[in-house]
Amino acid sequence: MRTLEIVLGGACMVLAGALAYEASAPLPAIGSDRPTQSGHFTVAPIPAAGAPSPASVAMAQARPLFDPGRQPLGALPEGPVPPSLANVTLVGVMMGGRSRIALLRTGSDTAAASLPLGGAVGSWRIVSIELDRVGLQDGGEHYELMLPGRGGKRVCNNKNNEKCHV
């Protein structure tokens, strides 16, 4: 048992010496390998991040956010759009578990509003959210806004509250 204590004591002394050396040893400068004339190391400045240009923001907003192809949107097909929905565009849909959120841009707003099931766009209520469309209802009228570029109509009028077929 005595030899084990001597071995462990020696190991502690070696580790304590290594710790003392590490604590008192000089540290090299980080980020540079060239000393200046005075013998100190210099660190290159990090460039400041700026805001994106308006042109790049406009280009990002002109393409569907959640479409893997991310092509610019073409002209939307004409359809019987009520005046209260004329400036409403479905930008995207987020789905996770039981949660469903529609991303809608209205008028000249640059940001999209995130609305859950039951949310309101003017007098219209969101009654369904699917992968590529959002169902809206106002009284007896039912419309479906579709993601642009999906090959279907943007708005589908169905006064009988039945599912729109595109």
N, C-alpha and C. Protein backbone atom coordinates (compact mmCIF):
# COMPACT_ATOMS: atom_id res chain seq x y z
N MET A 1 0.83 -1.19 0.00
CA MET A 1 0.00 0.00 0.00
C MET A 1 0.87 1.25 0.00
N ARG A 2 2.01 1.14 0.65
CA ARG A 2 2.92 2.29 0.75
C ARG A 2 3.46 2.68 -0.63
N THR A 3 3.75 1.72 -1.50
CA THR A 3 4.28 2.02 -2.82
C THR A 3 3.23 2.71 -3.70
N LEU A 4 1.99 2.32 -3.53
CA LEU A 4 0.90 2.97 -4.29
C LEU A 4 0.80 4.44 -3.91
N GLU A 5 0.94 4.76 -2.63
CA GLU A 5 0.89 6.15 -2.18
C GLU A 5 2.06 6.94 -2.75
N ILE A 6 3.23 6.33 -2.83
CA ILE A 6 4.41 7.02 -3.37
C ILE A 6 4.22 7.29 -4.86
N VAL A 7 3.70 6.30 -5.59
CA VAL A 7 3.47 6.47 -7.04
C VAL A 7 2.43 7.56 -7.29
N LEU A 8 1.33 7.52 -6.56
CA LEU A 8 0.28 8.54 -6.73
C LEU A 8 0.78 9.92 -6.33
N GLY A 9 1.58 10.01 -5.28
CA GLY A 9 2.15 11.29 -4.87
C GLY A 9 3.08 11.84 -5.92
N GLY A 10 3.88 10.99 -6.54
CA GLY A 10 4.78 11.42 -7.62
C GLY A 10 4.00 11.91 -8.82
N ALA A 11 2.93 11.21 -9.17
CA ALA A 11 2.10 11.62 -10.30
C ALA A 11 1.45 12.97 -10.02
N CYS A 12 1.02 13.21 -8.81
CA CYS A 12 0.44 14.50 -8.43
C CYS A 12 1.47 15.61 -8.56
N MET A 13 2.71 15.34 -8.16
CA MET A 13 3.78 16.35 -8.25
C MET A 13 4.05 16.69 -9.72
N VAL A 14 4.08 15.68 -10.58
CA VAL A 14 4.33 15.92 -12.01
C VAL A 14 3.19 16.74 -12.60
N LEU A 15 1.95 16.39 -12.30
CA LEU A 15 0.78 17.13 -12.81
C LEU A 15 0.75 18.55 -12.27
N ALA A 16 1.11 18.76 -11.00
CA ALA A 16 1.14 20.10 -10.44
C ALA A 16 2.21 20.94 -11.13
N GLY A 17 3.35 20.36 -11.46
CA GLY A 17 4.40 21.08 -12.18
C GLY A 17 3.95 21.45 -13.58
N ALA A 18 3.28 20.54 -14.27
CA ALA A 18 2.78 20.82 -15.62
C ALA A 18 1.74 21.93 -15.58
N LEU A 19 0.89 21.92 -14.58
CA LEU A 19 -0.13 22.96 -14.43
C LEU A 19 0.51 24.31 -14.16
N ALA A 20 1.53 24.35 -13.32
CA ALA A 20 2.22 25.60 -13.02
C ALA A 20 2.90 26.14 -14.28
N TYR A 21 3.51 25.26 -15.08
CA TYR A 21 4.15 25.71 -16.31
C TYR A 21 3.11 26.28 -17.29
N GLU A 22 1.99 25.60 -17.48
CA GLU A 22 0.95 26.06 -18.39
C GLU A 22 0.37 27.41 -17.96
N ALA A 23 0.25 27.61 -16.66
CA ALA A 23 -0.32 28.86 -16.15
C ALA A 23 0.64 30.03 -16.34
N SER A 24 1.94 29.79 -16.32
CA SER A 24 2.90 30.89 -16.40
C SER A 24 3.54 31.03 -17.77
N ALA A 25 3.30 30.13 -18.71
CA ALA A 25 3.91 30.20 -20.04
C ALA A 25 3.27 31.32 -20.86
N PRO A 26 4.04 32.04 -21.67
CA PRO A 26 3.45 33.10 -22.52
C PRO A 26 2.61 32.48 -23.64
N LEU A 27 1.53 33.17 -23.99
CA LEU A 27 0.62 32.69 -25.03
C LEU A 27 0.94 33.38 -26.35
N PRO A 28 0.91 32.66 -27.48
CA PRO A 28 1.12 33.32 -28.78
C PRO A 28 -0.13 34.11 -29.16
N ALA A 29 0.05 35.13 -30.03
CA ALA A 29 -1.09 35.93 -30.51
C ALA A 29 -1.97 35.06 -31.41
N ILE A 30 -3.24 35.32 -31.37
CA ILE A 30 -4.19 34.55 -32.16
C ILE A 30 -4.47 35.30 -33.45
N GLY A 31 -4.45 34.60 -34.59
CA GLY A 31 -4.86 35.18 -35.85
C GLY A 31 -3.74 35.73 -36.70
N SER A 32 -2.51 35.70 -36.26
CA SER A 32 -1.42 36.23 -37.07
C SER A 32 -0.16 35.44 -36.80
N ASP A 33 0.65 35.29 -37.84
CA ASP A 33 1.91 34.60 -37.65
C ASP A 33 3.11 35.49 -37.97
N ARG A 34 2.88 36.80 -38.16
CA ARG A 34 3.96 37.74 -38.47
C ARG A 34 4.08 38.79 -37.37
N PRO A 35 5.23 38.87 -36.75
CA PRO A 35 5.40 39.94 -35.76
C PRO A 35 5.70 41.27 -36.45
N THR A 36 5.30 42.35 -35.80
CA THR A 36 5.62 43.69 -36.30
C THR A 36 7.05 44.03 -35.90
N GLN A 37 7.52 45.24 -36.22
CA GLN A 37 8.88 45.64 -35.88
C GLN A 37 9.11 45.65 -34.38
N SER A 38 8.05 45.92 -33.63
CA SER A 38 8.22 45.95 -32.18
C SER A 38 8.18 44.55 -31.57
N GLY A 39 7.94 43.55 -32.39
CA GLY A 39 7.91 42.19 -31.88
C GLY A 39 6.52 41.70 -31.51
N HIS A 40 5.50 42.56 -31.62
CA HIS A 40 4.14 42.15 -31.30
C HIS A 40 3.46 41.63 -32.56
N PHE A 41 2.53 40.76 -32.37
CA PHE A 41 1.76 40.22 -33.48
C PHE A 41 0.59 41.15 -33.79
N THR A 42 0.19 41.21 -35.06
CA THR A 42 -0.97 42.00 -35.45
C THR A 42 -2.09 41.07 -35.87
N VAL A 43 -3.29 41.52 -35.65
CA VAL A 43 -4.48 40.75 -36.01
C VAL A 43 -5.22 41.52 -37.09
N ALA A 44 -5.56 40.84 -38.19
CA ALA A 44 -6.27 41.49 -39.29
C ALA A 44 -7.66 41.90 -38.83
N PRO A 45 -8.12 43.11 -39.23
CA PRO A 45 -9.47 43.55 -38.82
C PRO A 45 -10.54 42.73 -39.52
N ILE A 46 -11.64 42.55 -38.85
CA ILE A 46 -12.79 41.82 -39.39
C ILE A 46 -13.70 42.84 -40.07
N PRO A 47 -14.06 42.62 -41.35
CA PRO A 47 -14.93 43.59 -42.03
C PRO A 47 -16.32 43.62 -41.40
N ALA A 48 -16.88 44.82 -41.32
CA ALA A 48 -18.22 44.98 -40.73
C ALA A 48 -19.27 44.49 -41.70
N ALA A 49 -20.30 43.85 -41.18
CA ALA A 49 -21.41 43.37 -42.01
C ALA A 49 -22.39 44.53 -42.21
N GLY A 50 -22.83 44.69 -43.42
CA GLY A 50 -23.78 45.76 -43.73
C GLY A 50 -25.13 45.20 -44.09
N ALA A 51 -26.09 46.08 -44.25
CA ALA A 51 -27.43 45.67 -44.65
C ALA A 51 -27.42 45.27 -46.12
N PRO A 52 -28.28 44.33 -46.52
CA PRO A 52 -28.32 43.95 -47.93
C PRO A 52 -28.85 45.10 -48.78
N SER A 53 -28.46 45.10 -50.04
CA SER A 53 -28.91 46.16 -50.94
C SER A 53 -30.40 46.00 -51.23
N PRO A 54 -31.10 47.10 -51.54
CA PRO A 54 -32.53 46.99 -51.88
C PRO A 54 -32.77 46.09 -53.08
N ALA A 55 -31.83 46.06 -54.03
CA ALA A 55 -32.01 45.21 -55.20
C ALA A 55 -31.98 43.73 -54.83
N SER A 56 -31.09 43.34 -53.91
CA SER A 56 -31.04 41.94 -53.51
C SER A 56 -32.25 41.55 -52.69
N VAL A 57 -32.79 42.48 -51.89
CA VAL A 57 -34.01 42.20 -51.12
C VAL A 57 -35.19 42.04 -52.07
N ALA A 58 -35.29 42.90 -53.07
CA ALA A 58 -36.38 42.81 -54.05
C ALA A 58 -36.30 41.50 -54.82
N MET A 59 -35.08 41.06 -55.17
CA MET A 59 -34.93 39.80 -55.90
C MET A 59 -35.35 38.62 -55.02
N ALA A 60 -35.02 38.65 -53.74
CA ALA A 60 -35.40 37.56 -52.83
C ALA A 60 -36.91 37.52 -52.64
N GLN A 61 -37.56 38.70 -52.60
CA GLN A 61 -39.00 38.74 -52.40
C GLN A 61 -39.77 38.37 -53.66
N ALA A 62 -39.14 38.46 -54.82
CA ALA A 62 -39.82 38.16 -56.08
C ALA A 62 -39.92 36.66 -56.35
N ARG A 63 -39.26 35.84 -55.53
CA ARG A 63 -39.27 34.39 -55.74
C ARG A 63 -39.97 33.70 -54.58
N PRO A 64 -40.67 32.60 -54.83
CA PRO A 64 -41.33 31.87 -53.74
C PRO A 64 -40.30 31.41 -52.70
N LEU A 65 -40.59 31.65 -51.45
CA LEU A 65 -39.65 31.38 -50.38
C LEU A 65 -39.42 29.89 -50.17
N PHE A 66 -40.47 29.08 -50.23
CA PHE A 66 -40.35 27.66 -49.88
C PHE A 66 -40.34 26.75 -51.10
N ASP A 67 -40.17 27.29 -52.30
CA ASP A 67 -40.12 26.50 -53.51
C ASP A 67 -38.67 26.15 -53.82
N PRO A 68 -38.31 24.86 -53.90
CA PRO A 68 -36.91 24.49 -54.14
C PRO A 68 -36.36 25.06 -55.45
N GLY A 69 -37.22 25.24 -56.48
CA GLY A 69 -36.77 25.80 -57.75
C GLY A 69 -36.46 27.28 -57.66
N ARG A 70 -37.14 27.99 -56.80
CA ARG A 70 -36.97 29.42 -56.54
C ARG A 70 -36.83 30.23 -57.82
N GLN A 71 -37.77 30.07 -58.73
CA GLN A 71 -37.79 30.85 -59.95
C GLN A 71 -38.61 32.11 -59.72
N PRO A 72 -38.29 33.20 -60.44
CA PRO A 72 -39.12 34.41 -60.30
C PRO A 72 -40.57 34.11 -60.69
N LEU A 73 -41.49 34.79 -60.02
CA LEU A 73 -42.91 34.57 -60.27
C LEU A 73 -43.32 35.19 -61.60
N GLY A 74 -44.13 34.47 -62.34
CA GLY A 74 -44.68 35.02 -63.57
C GLY A 74 -45.98 35.75 -63.27
N ALA A 75 -46.64 36.20 -64.30
CA ALA A 75 -47.92 36.87 -64.12
C ALA A 75 -48.95 35.85 -63.63
N LEU A 76 -49.77 36.26 -62.69
CA LEU A 76 -50.78 35.36 -62.15
C LEU A 76 -51.98 35.32 -63.09
N PRO A 77 -52.60 34.16 -63.24
CA PRO A 77 -53.77 34.08 -64.11
C PRO A 77 -54.92 34.93 -63.56
N GLU A 78 -55.70 35.44 -64.47
CA GLU A 78 -56.85 36.24 -64.07
C GLU A 78 -57.93 35.33 -63.51
N GLY A 79 -58.69 35.84 -62.58
CA GLY A 79 -59.78 35.08 -61.99
C GLY A 79 -60.73 36.04 -61.31
N PRO A 80 -61.87 35.55 -60.90
CA PRO A 80 -62.84 36.40 -60.22
C PRO A 80 -62.39 36.70 -58.79
N VAL A 81 -61.60 37.74 -58.63
CA VAL A 81 -61.04 38.08 -57.32
C VAL A 81 -61.88 39.20 -56.70
N PRO A 82 -62.37 38.98 -55.48
CA PRO A 82 -63.10 40.07 -54.83
C PRO A 82 -62.13 41.21 -54.51
N PRO A 83 -62.61 42.44 -54.52
CA PRO A 83 -61.73 43.59 -54.28
C PRO A 83 -60.95 43.49 -52.97
N SER A 84 -61.52 42.89 -51.94
CA SER A 84 -60.83 42.81 -50.65
C SER A 84 -59.66 41.83 -50.66
N LEU A 85 -59.59 40.94 -51.68
CA LEU A 85 -58.47 40.00 -51.80
C LEU A 85 -57.56 40.30 -52.98
N ALA A 86 -57.81 41.39 -53.68
CA ALA A 86 -57.06 41.69 -54.90
C ALA A 86 -55.57 41.85 -54.64
N ASN A 87 -55.19 42.40 -53.50
CA ASN A 87 -53.77 42.65 -53.21
C ASN A 87 -53.18 41.64 -52.23
N VAL A 88 -53.85 40.51 -52.01
CA VAL A 88 -53.36 39.50 -51.08
C VAL A 88 -52.66 38.40 -51.87
N THR A 89 -51.43 38.06 -51.45
CA THR A 89 -50.66 37.01 -52.12
C THR A 89 -50.21 35.99 -51.08
N LEU A 90 -50.40 34.73 -51.39
CA LEU A 90 -49.89 33.65 -50.54
C LEU A 90 -48.41 33.48 -50.86
N VAL A 91 -47.56 33.73 -49.87
CA VAL A 91 -46.11 33.66 -50.05
C VAL A 91 -45.58 32.30 -49.65
N GLY A 92 -46.17 31.68 -48.63
CA GLY A 92 -45.69 30.39 -48.18
C GLY A 92 -46.59 29.80 -47.12
N VAL A 93 -46.31 28.56 -46.77
CA VAL A 93 -47.07 27.84 -45.75
C VAL A 93 -46.06 27.12 -44.86
N MET A 94 -46.28 27.20 -43.54
CA MET A 94 -45.45 26.45 -42.60
C MET A 94 -46.33 25.45 -41.88
N MET A 95 -45.89 24.19 -41.87
CA MET A 95 -46.66 23.14 -41.22
C MET A 95 -45.73 22.34 -40.33
N GLY A 96 -46.16 22.09 -39.11
CA GLY A 96 -45.37 21.29 -38.19
C GLY A 96 -46.29 20.70 -37.13
N GLY A 97 -46.40 19.40 -37.11
CA GLY A 97 -47.30 18.76 -36.16
C GLY A 97 -48.73 19.19 -36.41
N ARG A 98 -49.35 19.74 -35.40
CA ARG A 98 -50.73 20.24 -35.57
C ARG A 98 -50.78 21.71 -35.93
N SER A 99 -49.64 22.36 -35.92
CA SER A 99 -49.58 23.79 -36.20
C SER A 99 -49.47 24.05 -37.70
N ARG A 100 -50.28 24.98 -38.19
CA ARG A 100 -50.26 25.39 -39.60
C ARG A 100 -50.34 26.91 -39.65
N ILE A 101 -49.43 27.50 -40.43
CA ILE A 101 -49.36 28.96 -40.52
C ILE A 101 -49.30 29.34 -41.99
N ALA A 102 -50.09 30.33 -42.39
CA ALA A 102 -50.05 30.86 -43.75
C ALA A 102 -49.27 32.17 -43.74
N LEU A 103 -48.39 32.33 -44.71
CA LEU A 103 -47.63 33.56 -44.87
C LEU A 103 -48.26 34.35 -46.01
N LEU A 104 -48.89 35.45 -45.67
CA LEU A 104 -49.61 36.26 -46.65
C LEU A 104 -49.01 37.66 -46.72
N ARG A 105 -48.84 38.15 -47.93
CA ARG A 105 -48.39 39.52 -48.15
C ARG A 105 -49.57 40.32 -48.69
N THR A 106 -49.83 41.46 -48.10
CA THR A 106 -50.96 42.28 -48.52
C THR A 106 -50.46 43.61 -49.06
N GLY A 107 -51.04 44.02 -50.18
CA GLY A 107 -50.72 45.33 -50.76
C GLY A 107 -49.25 45.51 -51.05
N SER A 108 -48.72 46.64 -50.64
CA SER A 108 -47.32 46.96 -50.91
C SER A 108 -46.43 46.65 -49.72
N ASP A 109 -46.93 45.88 -48.75
CA ASP A 109 -46.10 45.50 -47.60
C ASP A 109 -44.91 44.68 -48.08
N THR A 110 -43.74 44.95 -47.50
CA THR A 110 -42.56 44.18 -47.86
C THR A 110 -42.47 42.91 -47.02
N ALA A 111 -43.08 42.90 -45.86
CA ALA A 111 -43.03 41.72 -44.98
C ALA A 111 -44.34 40.95 -45.10
N ALA A 112 -44.23 39.65 -44.95
CA ALA A 112 -45.41 38.80 -44.99
C ALA A 112 -45.94 38.62 -43.57
N ALA A 113 -47.26 38.60 -43.45
CA ALA A 113 -47.90 38.36 -42.14
C ALA A 113 -48.08 36.86 -41.96
N SER A 114 -47.81 36.37 -40.77
CA SER A 114 -48.02 34.94 -40.49
C SER A 114 -49.34 34.80 -39.74
N LEU A 115 -50.26 34.07 -40.34
CA LEU A 115 -51.60 33.92 -39.77
C LEU A 115 -51.93 32.45 -39.56
N PRO A 116 -52.44 32.10 -38.38
CA PRO A 116 -52.81 30.71 -38.11
C PRO A 116 -54.20 30.40 -38.67
N LEU A 117 -54.59 29.16 -38.56
CA LEU A 117 -55.94 28.75 -38.92
C LEU A 117 -56.92 29.56 -38.08
N GLY A 118 -57.92 30.17 -38.70
CA GLY A 118 -58.86 31.03 -38.00
C GLY A 118 -58.46 32.49 -38.02
N GLY A 119 -57.25 32.80 -38.51
CA GLY A 119 -56.79 34.18 -38.60
C GLY A 119 -57.60 34.95 -39.64
N ALA A 120 -57.51 36.27 -39.59
CA ALA A 120 -58.33 37.12 -40.47
C ALA A 120 -57.47 37.94 -41.41
N VAL A 121 -57.97 38.04 -42.65
CA VAL A 121 -57.43 38.94 -43.66
C VAL A 121 -58.60 39.82 -44.06
N GLY A 122 -58.67 41.00 -43.46
CA GLY A 122 -59.86 41.84 -43.66
C GLY A 122 -61.07 41.14 -43.08
N SER A 123 -62.11 40.94 -43.89
CA SER A 123 -63.31 40.24 -43.42
C SER A 123 -63.25 38.74 -43.70
N TRP A 124 -62.18 38.28 -44.32
CA TRP A 124 -62.02 36.87 -44.67
C TRP A 124 -61.34 36.12 -43.54
N ARG A 125 -61.81 34.92 -43.22
CA ARG A 125 -61.22 34.04 -42.19
C ARG A 125 -60.51 32.88 -42.88
N ILE A 126 -59.36 32.48 -42.35
CA ILE A 126 -58.63 31.34 -42.88
C ILE A 126 -59.29 30.08 -42.34
N VAL A 127 -59.85 29.24 -43.25
CA VAL A 127 -60.56 28.04 -42.84
C VAL A 127 -59.78 26.76 -43.15
N SER A 128 -58.77 26.84 -44.02
CA SER A 128 -57.94 25.67 -44.29
C SER A 128 -56.57 26.12 -44.74
N ILE A 129 -55.56 25.34 -44.36
CA ILE A 129 -54.18 25.60 -44.79
C ILE A 129 -53.62 24.27 -45.28
N GLU A 130 -53.30 24.20 -46.56
CA GLU A 130 -52.72 23.00 -47.17
C GLU A 130 -51.30 23.32 -47.61
N LEU A 131 -50.61 22.35 -48.19
CA LEU A 131 -49.22 22.55 -48.60
C LEU A 131 -49.06 23.66 -49.64
N ASP A 132 -50.03 23.81 -50.55
CA ASP A 132 -49.87 24.78 -51.63
C ASP A 132 -51.04 25.76 -51.74
N ARG A 133 -51.91 25.79 -50.75
CA ARG A 133 -53.08 26.68 -50.84
C ARG A 133 -53.63 27.00 -49.46
N VAL A 134 -54.39 28.09 -49.41
CA VAL A 134 -55.05 28.52 -48.18
C VAL A 134 -56.51 28.80 -48.52
N GLY A 135 -57.43 28.23 -47.75
CA GLY A 135 -58.86 28.47 -47.95
C GLY A 135 -59.32 29.62 -47.09
N LEU A 136 -60.05 30.56 -47.71
CA LEU A 136 -60.58 31.74 -47.02
C LEU A 136 -62.09 31.75 -47.16
N GLN A 137 -62.77 32.21 -46.11
CA GLN A 137 -64.23 32.25 -46.14
C GLN A 137 -64.72 33.58 -45.59
N ASP A 138 -65.70 34.15 -46.29
CA ASP A 138 -66.36 35.38 -45.85
C ASP A 138 -67.85 35.17 -46.06
N GLY A 139 -68.57 34.90 -44.99
CA GLY A 139 -69.99 34.60 -45.12
C GLY A 139 -70.17 33.31 -45.90
N GLY A 140 -70.90 33.36 -47.02
CA GLY A 140 -71.13 32.18 -47.84
C GLY A 140 -70.12 32.00 -48.95
N GLU A 141 -69.17 32.92 -49.09
CA GLU A 141 -68.19 32.81 -50.17
C GLU A 141 -66.92 32.14 -49.67
N HIS A 142 -66.35 31.29 -50.54
CA HIS A 142 -65.14 30.56 -50.21
C HIS A 142 -64.14 30.75 -51.35
N TYR A 143 -62.92 31.15 -51.02
CA TYR A 143 -61.85 31.31 -52.02
C TYR A 143 -60.63 30.54 -51.56
N GLU A 144 -59.86 30.07 -52.54
CA GLU A 144 -58.58 29.44 -52.24
C GLU A 144 -57.47 30.22 -52.91
N LEU A 145 -56.55 30.70 -52.11
CA LEU A 145 -55.35 31.33 -52.63
C LEU A 145 -54.30 30.23 -52.77
N MET A 146 -53.68 30.17 -53.93
CA MET A 146 -52.66 29.14 -54.16
C MET A 146 -51.29 29.80 -54.24
N LEU A 147 -50.26 29.00 -53.94
CA LEU A 147 -48.90 29.51 -54.11
C LEU A 147 -48.68 29.81 -55.58
N PRO A 148 -48.16 30.97 -55.92
CA PRO A 148 -47.88 31.27 -57.33
C PRO A 148 -46.85 30.29 -57.88
N GLY A 149 -46.98 30.00 -59.16
CA GLY A 149 -46.03 29.11 -59.81
C GLY A 149 -46.32 27.64 -59.62
N ARG A 150 -47.47 27.28 -59.07
CA ARG A 150 -47.81 25.87 -58.86
C ARG A 150 -48.65 25.30 -59.99
N GLY A 151 -48.89 26.06 -61.04
CA GLY A 151 -49.61 25.55 -62.18
C GLY A 151 -51.12 25.62 -62.07
N GLY A 152 -51.64 26.12 -60.99
CA GLY A 152 -53.09 26.22 -60.83
C GLY A 152 -53.54 27.66 -60.79
N LYS A 153 -54.83 27.85 -60.63
CA LYS A 153 -55.35 29.20 -60.52
C LYS A 153 -54.98 29.79 -59.18
N ARG A 154 -54.87 31.10 -59.16
CA ARG A 154 -54.53 31.78 -57.91
C ARG A 154 -55.73 31.80 -56.98
N VAL A 155 -56.87 32.07 -57.50
CA VAL A 155 -58.07 32.18 -56.67
C VAL A 155 -59.17 31.33 -57.29
N CYS A 156 -59.89 30.64 -56.46
CA CYS A 156 -60.98 29.79 -56.93
C CYS A 156 -62.25 30.19 -56.17
N ASN A 157 -63.29 30.57 -56.88
CA ASN A 157 -64.53 31.01 -56.26
C ASN A 157 -65.48 29.82 -56.15
N ASN A 158 -65.97 29.61 -54.95
CA ASN A 158 -66.89 28.51 -54.73
C ASN A 158 -67.88 28.95 -53.67
N LYS A 159 -69.05 29.34 -54.07
CA LYS A 159 -70.04 29.86 -53.14
C LYS A 159 -70.76 28.77 -52.36
N ASN A 160 -70.61 27.50 -52.75
CA ASN A 160 -71.28 26.40 -52.06
C ASN A 160 -70.42 25.81 -50.95
N ASN A 161 -69.27 26.42 -50.67
CA ASN A 161 -68.40 25.97 -49.62
C ASN A 161 -67.82 24.58 -49.86
N GLU A 162 -67.76 24.16 -51.12
CA GLU A 162 -67.15 22.89 -51.44
C GLU A 162 -65.69 23.10 -51.77
N LYS A 163 -64.90 22.04 -51.77
CA LYS A 163 -63.47 22.17 -52.08
C LYS A 163 -63.31 22.58 -53.53
N CYS A 164 -62.42 23.52 -53.77
CA CYS A 164 -62.15 23.98 -55.13
C CYS A 164 -61.23 22.99 -55.81
N HIS A 165 -61.51 22.68 -57.07
CA HIS A 165 -60.66 21.79 -57.84
C HIS A 165 -59.93 22.62 -58.87
N VAL A 166 -58.62 22.52 -58.87
CA VAL A 166 -57.81 23.33 -59.77
C VAL A 166 -57.07 22.43 -60.72
